[in-house]
Amino acid sequence: MSKLAFYIREYILEEVNTWWDQSCDCFLELIEKQDEKGVELWIKQWKRKILVLMDQAWQKHLDHLEHIKMGIHYQVWGQRDPILAYEQETWKRFTKMSVQIQEQIGRMLIKEVTDRLYLESEIT
């Protein structure tokens, strides 16, 4: 890696870390400013968002499993145990789905925090 690329990388990482720290601080301030009912409402909204997200991901996962089932018999031609191949493939898909859910929740949370930061900056 060249020196210029290294410095650019370090600068970007520093900016992202600064932005992340500010976002987390702002988010905590927003929660502290809310009254108890506001926090309860926010938690209910997030539970619903997460539940919908998980439901959609699970439906998609089940569709993937159906596709795997339909083509698993081809594993015999490759001299692989179809049951073992099915288990491995489904486990791989399940862990991929779990990671995607976590990433999407993180993105949604960051978007909400940045939107609130933007709105607060416009108000003041």
C-alpha atoms as a PDB file:
ATOM      1  CA  MET A   1       0.000   0.000   0.000  1.00  0.00           C
ATOM      2  CA  SER A   2       1.405   3.391  -0.943  1.00  0.00           C
ATOM      3  CA  LYS A   3       1.828   6.152   1.621  1.00  0.00           C
ATOM      4  CA  LEU A   4      -0.911   8.217  -0.003  1.00  0.00           C
ATOM      5  CA  ALA A   5      -3.375   5.312   0.091  1.00  0.00           C
ATOM      6  CA  PHE A   6      -2.428   4.647   3.715  1.00  0.00           C
ATOM      7  CA  TYR A   7      -3.027   8.287   4.727  1.00  0.00           C
ATOM      8  CA  ILE A   8      -6.330   8.416   2.855  1.00  0.00           C
ATOM      9  CA  ARG A   9      -7.420   5.194   4.552  1.00  0.00           C
ATOM     10  CA  GLU A  10      -6.448   6.530   7.982  1.00  0.00           C
ATOM     11  CA  TYR A  11      -8.250   9.817   7.331  1.00  0.00           C
ATOM     12  CA  ILE A  12     -11.444   8.036   6.264  1.00  0.00           C
ATOM     13  CA  LEU A  13     -11.313   5.719   9.274  1.00  0.00           C
ATOM     14  CA  GLU A  14     -10.833   8.696  11.596  1.00  0.00           C
ATOM     15  CA  GLU A  15     -13.787  10.529  10.024  1.00  0.00           C
ATOM     16  CA  VAL A  16     -16.018   7.463  10.252  1.00  0.00           C
ATOM     17  CA  ASN A  17     -15.057   6.895  13.885  1.00  0.00           C
ATOM     18  CA  THR A  18     -15.759  10.541  14.709  1.00  0.00           C
ATOM     19  CA  TRP A  19     -19.109  10.400  12.919  1.00  0.00           C
ATOM     20  CA  TRP A  20     -19.987   7.140  14.702  1.00  0.00           C
ATOM     21  CA  ASP A  21     -19.128   8.580  18.128  1.00  0.00           C
ATOM     22  CA  GLN A  22     -21.215  11.682  17.441  1.00  0.00           C
ATOM     23  CA  SER A  23     -24.134   9.583  16.207  1.00  0.00           C
ATOM     24  CA  CYS A  24     -24.063   7.347  19.279  1.00  0.00           C
ATOM     25  CA  ASP A  25     -23.879  10.359  21.607  1.00  0.00           C
ATOM     26  CA  CYS A  26     -26.756  12.033  19.790  1.00  0.00           C
ATOM     27  CA  PHE A  27     -28.812   8.874  19.874  1.00  0.00           C
ATOM     28  CA  LEU A  28     -28.337   8.522  23.630  1.00  0.00           C
ATOM     29  CA  GLU A  29     -29.276  12.177  24.092  1.00  0.00           C
ATOM     30  CA  LEU A  30     -32.414  11.672  22.021  1.00  0.00           C
ATOM     31  CA  ILE A  31     -33.450   8.741  24.176  1.00  0.00           C
ATOM     32  CA  GLU A  32     -32.740  10.669  27.385  1.00  0.00           C
ATOM     33  CA  LYS A  33     -34.834  13.607  26.146  1.00  0.00           C
ATOM     34  CA  GLN A  34     -37.846  11.378  25.537  1.00  0.00           C
ATOM     35  CA  ASP A  35     -40.330  10.859  28.273  1.00  0.00           C
ATOM     36  CA  GLU A  36     -41.114   7.347  29.410  1.00  0.00           C
ATOM     37  CA  LYS A  37     -44.055   6.948  27.007  1.00  0.00           C
ATOM     38  CA  GLY A  38     -41.921   8.146  24.099  1.00  0.00           C
ATOM     39  CA  VAL A  39     -39.265   5.552  24.836  1.00  0.00           C
ATOM     40  CA  GLU A  40     -41.886   2.808  25.161  1.00  0.00           C
ATOM     41  CA  LEU A  41     -43.399   3.856  21.825  1.00  0.00           C
ATOM     42  CA  TRP A  42     -39.957   3.868  20.189  1.00  0.00           C
ATOM     43  CA  ILE A  43     -39.242   0.368  21.543  1.00  0.00           C
ATOM     44  CA  LYS A  44     -42.592  -0.916  20.252  1.00  0.00           C
ATOM     45  CA  GLN A  45     -41.901   0.563  16.819  1.00  0.00           C
ATOM     46  CA  TRP A  46     -38.460  -1.051  16.694  1.00  0.00           C
ATOM     47  CA  LYS A  47     -39.801  -4.403  17.828  1.00  0.00           C
ATOM     48  CA  ARG A  48     -42.297  -4.262  14.976  1.00  0.00           C
ATOM     49  CA  LYS A  49     -39.645  -3.236  12.446  1.00  0.00           C
ATOM     50  CA  ILE A  50     -37.354  -6.053  13.547  1.00  0.00           C
ATOM     51  CA  LEU A  51     -40.165  -8.593  13.510  1.00  0.00           C
ATOM     52  CA  VAL A  52     -41.176  -7.612   9.964  1.00  0.00           C
ATOM     53  CA  LEU A  53     -37.542  -7.760   8.851  1.00  0.00           C
ATOM     54  CA  MET A  54     -37.048 -11.197  10.397  1.00  0.00           C
ATOM     55  CA  ASP A  55     -40.299 -12.473   8.896  1.00  0.00           C
ATOM     56  CA  GLN A  56     -39.295 -11.365   5.409  1.00  0.00           C
ATOM     57  CA  ALA A  57     -35.835 -12.878   5.786  1.00  0.00           C
ATOM     58  CA  TRP A  58     -37.295 -16.152   7.050  1.00  0.00           C
ATOM     59  CA  GLN A  59     -39.728 -16.393   4.124  1.00  0.00           C
ATOM     60  CA  LYS A  60     -36.868 -15.796   1.724  1.00  0.00           C
ATOM     61  CA  HIS A  61     -34.800 -18.421   3.554  1.00  0.00           C
ATOM     62  CA  LEU A  62     -37.601 -20.982   3.209  1.00  0.00           C
ATOM     63  CA  ASP A  63     -37.763 -20.274  -0.533  1.00  0.00           C
ATOM     64  CA  HIS A  64     -34.010 -20.899  -0.758  1.00  0.00           C
ATOM     65  CA  LEU A  65     -34.464 -24.202   1.082  1.00  0.00           C
ATOM     66  CA  GLU A  66     -37.086 -25.284  -1.445  1.00  0.00           C
ATOM     67  CA  HIS A  67     -34.671 -24.566  -4.287  1.00  0.00           C
ATOM     68  CA  ILE A  68     -31.934 -26.515  -2.544  1.00  0.00           C
ATOM     69  CA  LYS A  69     -34.300 -29.462  -2.009  1.00  0.00           C
ATOM     70  CA  MET A  70     -35.256 -29.506  -5.668  1.00  0.00           C
ATOM     71  CA  GLY A  71     -31.640 -29.783  -6.834  1.00  0.00           C
ATOM     72  CA  ILE A  72     -30.013 -31.760  -4.043  1.00  0.00           C
ATOM     73  CA  HIS A  73     -30.269 -35.064  -5.925  1.00  0.00           C
ATOM     74  CA  TYR A  74     -27.551 -33.802  -8.288  1.00  0.00           C
ATOM     75  CA  GLN A  75     -25.063 -34.145  -5.426  1.00  0.00           C
ATOM     76  CA  VAL A  76     -25.113 -37.916  -5.986  1.00  0.00           C
ATOM     77  CA  TRP A  77     -23.505 -37.387  -9.387  1.00  0.00           C
ATOM     78  CA  GLY A  78     -20.641 -35.615  -7.636  1.00  0.00           C
ATOM     79  CA  GLN A  79     -20.371 -38.600  -5.259  1.00  0.00           C
ATOM     80  CA  ARG A  80     -21.449 -36.540  -2.264  1.00  0.00           C
ATOM     81  CA  ASP A  81     -23.951 -37.599   0.348  1.00  0.00           C
ATOM     82  CA  PRO A  82     -27.089 -35.581  -0.494  1.00  0.00           C
ATOM     83  CA  ILE A  83     -28.223 -35.381   3.135  1.00  0.00           C
ATOM     84  CA  LEU A  84     -24.853 -34.070   4.292  1.00  0.00           C
ATOM     85  CA  ALA A  85     -24.722 -31.631   1.355  1.00  0.00           C
ATOM     86  CA  TYR A  86     -28.243 -30.418   2.208  1.00  0.00           C
ATOM     87  CA  GLU A  87     -27.342 -29.885   5.854  1.00  0.00           C
ATOM     88  CA  GLN A  88     -24.189 -27.964   4.958  1.00  0.00           C
ATOM     89  CA  GLU A  89     -25.916 -25.778   2.399  1.00  0.00           C
ATOM     90  CA  THR A  90     -28.874 -25.007   4.647  1.00  0.00           C
ATOM     91  CA  TRP A  91     -26.579 -24.129   7.555  1.00  0.00           C
ATOM     92  CA  LYS A  92     -24.569 -21.838   5.298  1.00  0.00           C
ATOM     93  CA  ARG A  93     -27.773 -20.136   4.131  1.00  0.00           C
ATOM     94  CA  PHE A  94     -29.061 -19.789   7.705  1.00  0.00           C
ATOM     95  CA  THR A  95     -25.871 -18.119   8.963  1.00  0.00           C
ATOM     96  CA  LYS A  96     -25.898 -15.839   5.920  1.00  0.00           C
ATOM     97  CA  MET A  97     -29.505 -14.891   6.700  1.00  0.00           C
ATOM     98  CA  SER A  98     -28.614 -14.157  10.345  1.00  0.00           C
ATOM     99  CA  VAL A  99     -25.749 -11.884   9.349  1.00  0.00           C
ATOM    100  CA  GLN A 100     -27.950 -10.069   6.832  1.00  0.00           C
ATOM    101  CA  ILE A 101     -30.598  -9.459   9.478  1.00  0.00           C
ATOM    102  CA  GLN A 102     -28.007  -7.992  11.836  1.00  0.00           C
ATOM    103  CA  GLU A 103     -26.596  -5.781   9.083  1.00  0.00           C
ATOM    104  CA  GLN A 104     -30.038  -4.518   8.084  1.00  0.00           C
ATOM    105  CA  ILE A 105     -30.964  -3.703  11.675  1.00  0.00           C
ATOM    106  CA  GLY A 106     -27.699  -1.801  12.027  1.00  0.00           C
ATOM    107  CA  ARG A 107     -28.346   0.127   8.820  1.00  0.00           C
ATOM    108  CA  MET A 108     -31.891   0.978   9.892  1.00  0.00           C
ATOM    109  CA  LEU A 109     -30.693   2.189  13.287  1.00  0.00           C
ATOM    110  CA  ILE A 110     -27.908   4.294  11.793  1.00  0.00           C
ATOM    111  CA  LYS A 111     -30.349   5.778   9.275  1.00  0.00           C
ATOM    112  CA  GLU A 112     -32.775   6.719  12.032  1.00  0.00           C
ATOM    113  CA  VAL A 113     -30.012   8.337  14.084  1.00  0.00           C
ATOM    114  CA  THR A 114     -28.639  10.286  11.119  1.00  0.00           C
ATOM    115  CA  ASP A 115     -32.132  11.400  10.103  1.00  0.00           C
ATOM    116  CA  ARG A 116     -32.781  12.652  13.619  1.00  0.00           C
ATOM    117  CA  LEU A 117     -29.389  14.384  13.673  1.00  0.00           C
ATOM    118  CA  TYR A 118     -30.243  16.087  10.397  1.00  0.00           C
ATOM    119  CA  LEU A 119     -33.670  17.184  11.643  1.00  0.00           C
ATOM    120  CA  GLU A 120     -32.216  18.537  14.878  1.00  0.00           C
ATOM    121  CA  SER A 121     -29.510  20.439  12.999  1.00  0.00           C
ATOM    122  CA  GLU A 122     -32.180  22.051  10.766  1.00  0.00           C
ATOM    123  CA  ILE A 123     -34.296  23.037  13.755  1.00  0.00           C
ATOM    124  CA  THR A 124     -31.428  24.764  15.569  1.00  0.00           C
END
